[in-house]
Amino acid sequence: MKNYRSAMGKSIDMGALLAKNESTRAVGNMKVNARGDTIDSQGRIIKPITEKVNQSYANTVGNKSANAVRGRPQPAQPTPASAPIKQKIEEELNPMERELEESLEDDLEIEKIKAEELSKGKK
């Protein structure tokens, strides 16, 4: 960041000042630290700023494949042995996560069709 000079002539490094105090509770009624993480009354981080930014981005962007996907990747085509496991995983997901998993499967299927069309076009 930039160095500023105070009225008394002292040099202030704003980047170092921010880094030094990023875990300090911010003044106000928002229950956040200086970095922007949501904190509890003891100052422990409840929700990090990166999670807030990712959620905000996911709400803004309409394309589900552009959003960050957390968790393990799903196979392109389920095998008969993995069907009960997949059903158990789907029961543990909330509706938003379930929709994201379904859109991921749809995206994989679309990519497979595109690859087949490209291979047909090259022949």
Protein backbone atom coordinates (compact mmCIF):
# COMPACT_ATOMS: atom_id res chain seq x y z
CA MET A 1 0.00 0.00 0.00
CA LYS A 2 0.91 3.61 0.07
CA ASN A 3 2.97 5.43 2.68
CA TYR A 4 1.34 8.57 4.04
CA ARG A 5 2.91 11.47 5.90
CA SER A 6 1.09 12.72 9.00
CA ALA A 7 0.61 16.37 9.95
CA MET A 8 3.51 15.97 12.37
CA GLY A 9 5.76 14.69 9.56
CA LYS A 10 5.76 10.99 10.53
CA SER A 11 5.56 8.36 7.79
CA ILE A 12 2.67 5.86 8.12
CA ASP A 13 2.63 2.58 6.16
CA MET A 14 -1.10 1.78 5.76
CA GLY A 15 -0.45 -1.78 4.50
CA ALA A 16 1.56 -2.69 7.59
CA LEU A 17 -1.03 -1.05 9.83
CA LEU A 18 -3.85 -3.07 8.20
CA ALA A 19 -1.90 -6.33 8.43
CA LYS A 20 -1.04 -5.72 12.07
CA ASN A 21 -4.66 -5.08 13.10
CA GLU A 22 -6.70 -7.33 10.79
CA SER A 23 -7.85 -9.60 13.65
CA THR A 24 -8.90 -6.64 15.85
CA ARG A 25 -12.63 -6.22 16.42
CA ALA A 26 -14.01 -3.38 14.30
CA VAL A 27 -15.80 -0.46 15.95
CA GLY A 28 -19.54 -0.50 15.34
CA ASN A 29 -22.48 -2.85 15.60
CA MET A 30 -21.66 -5.30 12.76
CA LYS A 31 -19.74 -7.97 14.75
CA VAL A 32 -16.81 -8.14 12.33
CA ASN A 33 -13.06 -7.79 12.64
CA ALA A 34 -11.02 -5.28 10.64
CA ARG A 35 -10.57 -7.82 7.83
CA GLY A 36 -14.33 -8.32 7.45
CA ASP A 37 -14.74 -11.80 8.98
CA THR A 38 -17.92 -12.33 11.02
CA ILE A 39 -16.89 -12.92 14.64
CA ASP A 40 -18.58 -13.89 17.90
CA SER A 41 -18.37 -12.07 21.26
CA GLN A 42 -15.01 -13.72 22.08
CA GLY A 43 -13.49 -12.67 18.75
CA ARG A 44 -13.52 -16.15 17.15
CA ILE A 45 -14.18 -16.21 13.40
CA ILE A 46 -17.64 -17.59 12.57
CA LYS A 47 -17.69 -16.90 8.83
CA PRO A 48 -14.52 -15.85 6.98
CA ILE A 49 -14.62 -13.03 4.44
CA THR A 50 -13.63 -15.39 1.63
CA GLU A 51 -16.77 -17.44 2.24
CA LYS A 52 -18.87 -14.26 2.18
CA VAL A 53 -17.28 -13.16 -1.11
CA ASN A 54 -17.81 -16.59 -2.70
CA GLN A 55 -21.47 -16.60 -1.62
CA SER A 56 -21.99 -13.09 -2.97
CA TYR A 57 -20.36 -14.06 -6.28
CA ALA A 58 -22.50 -17.21 -6.51
CA ASN A 59 -25.65 -15.12 -5.99
CA THR A 60 -24.56 -12.62 -8.67
CA VAL A 61 -23.35 -14.97 -11.41
CA GLY A 62 -26.09 -16.86 -13.22
CA ASN A 63 -23.80 -19.55 -14.65
CA LYS A 64 -23.55 -22.32 -12.06
CA SER A 65 -20.42 -23.81 -13.65
CA ALA A 66 -18.55 -20.53 -13.01
CA ASN A 67 -19.07 -20.88 -9.26
CA ALA A 68 -16.59 -22.61 -6.98
CA VAL A 69 -17.59 -26.19 -6.21
CA ARG A 70 -16.48 -27.68 -2.92
CA GLY A 71 -16.49 -31.37 -2.17
CA ARG A 72 -15.59 -34.43 -4.10
CA PRO A 73 -16.19 -34.62 -7.88
CA GLN A 74 -19.00 -36.87 -9.07
CA PRO A 75 -18.36 -39.56 -11.72
CA ALA A 76 -19.65 -38.84 -15.23
CA GLN A 77 -21.90 -41.92 -15.25
CA PRO A 78 -22.91 -43.60 -12.00
CA THR A 79 -22.19 -47.29 -11.69
CA PRO A 80 -24.81 -49.61 -10.19
CA ALA A 81 -22.65 -50.12 -7.07
CA SER A 82 -22.35 -46.37 -6.45
CA ALA A 83 -26.11 -45.69 -6.74
CA PRO A 84 -26.87 -46.34 -3.00
CA ILE A 85 -23.85 -44.22 -2.00
CA LYS A 86 -25.00 -41.39 -4.27
CA GLN A 87 -28.50 -41.60 -2.78
CA LYS A 88 -27.05 -41.36 0.74
CA ILE A 89 -24.93 -38.31 -0.23
CA GLU A 90 -27.97 -36.60 -1.79
CA GLU A 91 -29.94 -37.12 1.43
CA GLU A 92 -27.21 -35.27 3.37
CA LEU A 93 -27.18 -32.25 1.01
CA ASN A 94 -29.34 -29.19 1.47
CA PRO A 95 -31.51 -28.06 -1.49
CA MET A 96 -28.98 -25.50 -2.71
CA GLU A 97 -26.12 -28.04 -2.70
CA ARG A 98 -28.37 -30.61 -4.40
CA GLU A 99 -29.17 -28.13 -7.20
CA LEU A 100 -25.47 -27.39 -7.64
CA GLU A 101 -24.65 -31.11 -7.89
CA GLU A 102 -27.39 -31.60 -10.48
CA SER A 103 -26.17 -28.65 -12.54
CA LEU A 104 -22.63 -30.05 -12.38
CA GLU A 105 -23.88 -33.38 -13.72
CA ASP A 106 -25.75 -31.55 -16.49
CA ASP A 107 -22.62 -29.57 -17.36
CA LEU A 108 -20.58 -32.78 -17.56
CA GLU A 109 -23.16 -34.32 -19.87
CA ILE A 110 -23.16 -31.22 -22.10
CA GLU A 111 -19.35 -31.26 -22.27
CA LYS A 112 -19.46 -34.95 -23.25
CA ILE A 113 -21.93 -34.20 -26.07
CA LYS A 114 -19.78 -31.27 -27.25
CA ALA A 115 -16.70 -33.51 -27.31
CA GLU A 116 -18.58 -36.13 -29.36
CA GLU A 117 -19.74 -33.43 -31.83
CA LEU A 118 -16.19 -32.10 -32.17
CA SER A 119 -14.81 -35.59 -32.81
CA LYS A 120 -17.50 -36.19 -35.47
CA GLY A 121 -16.66 -32.85 -37.12
CA LYS A 122 -12.96 -33.69 -37.35
CA LYS A 123 -13.53 -37.08 -39.03
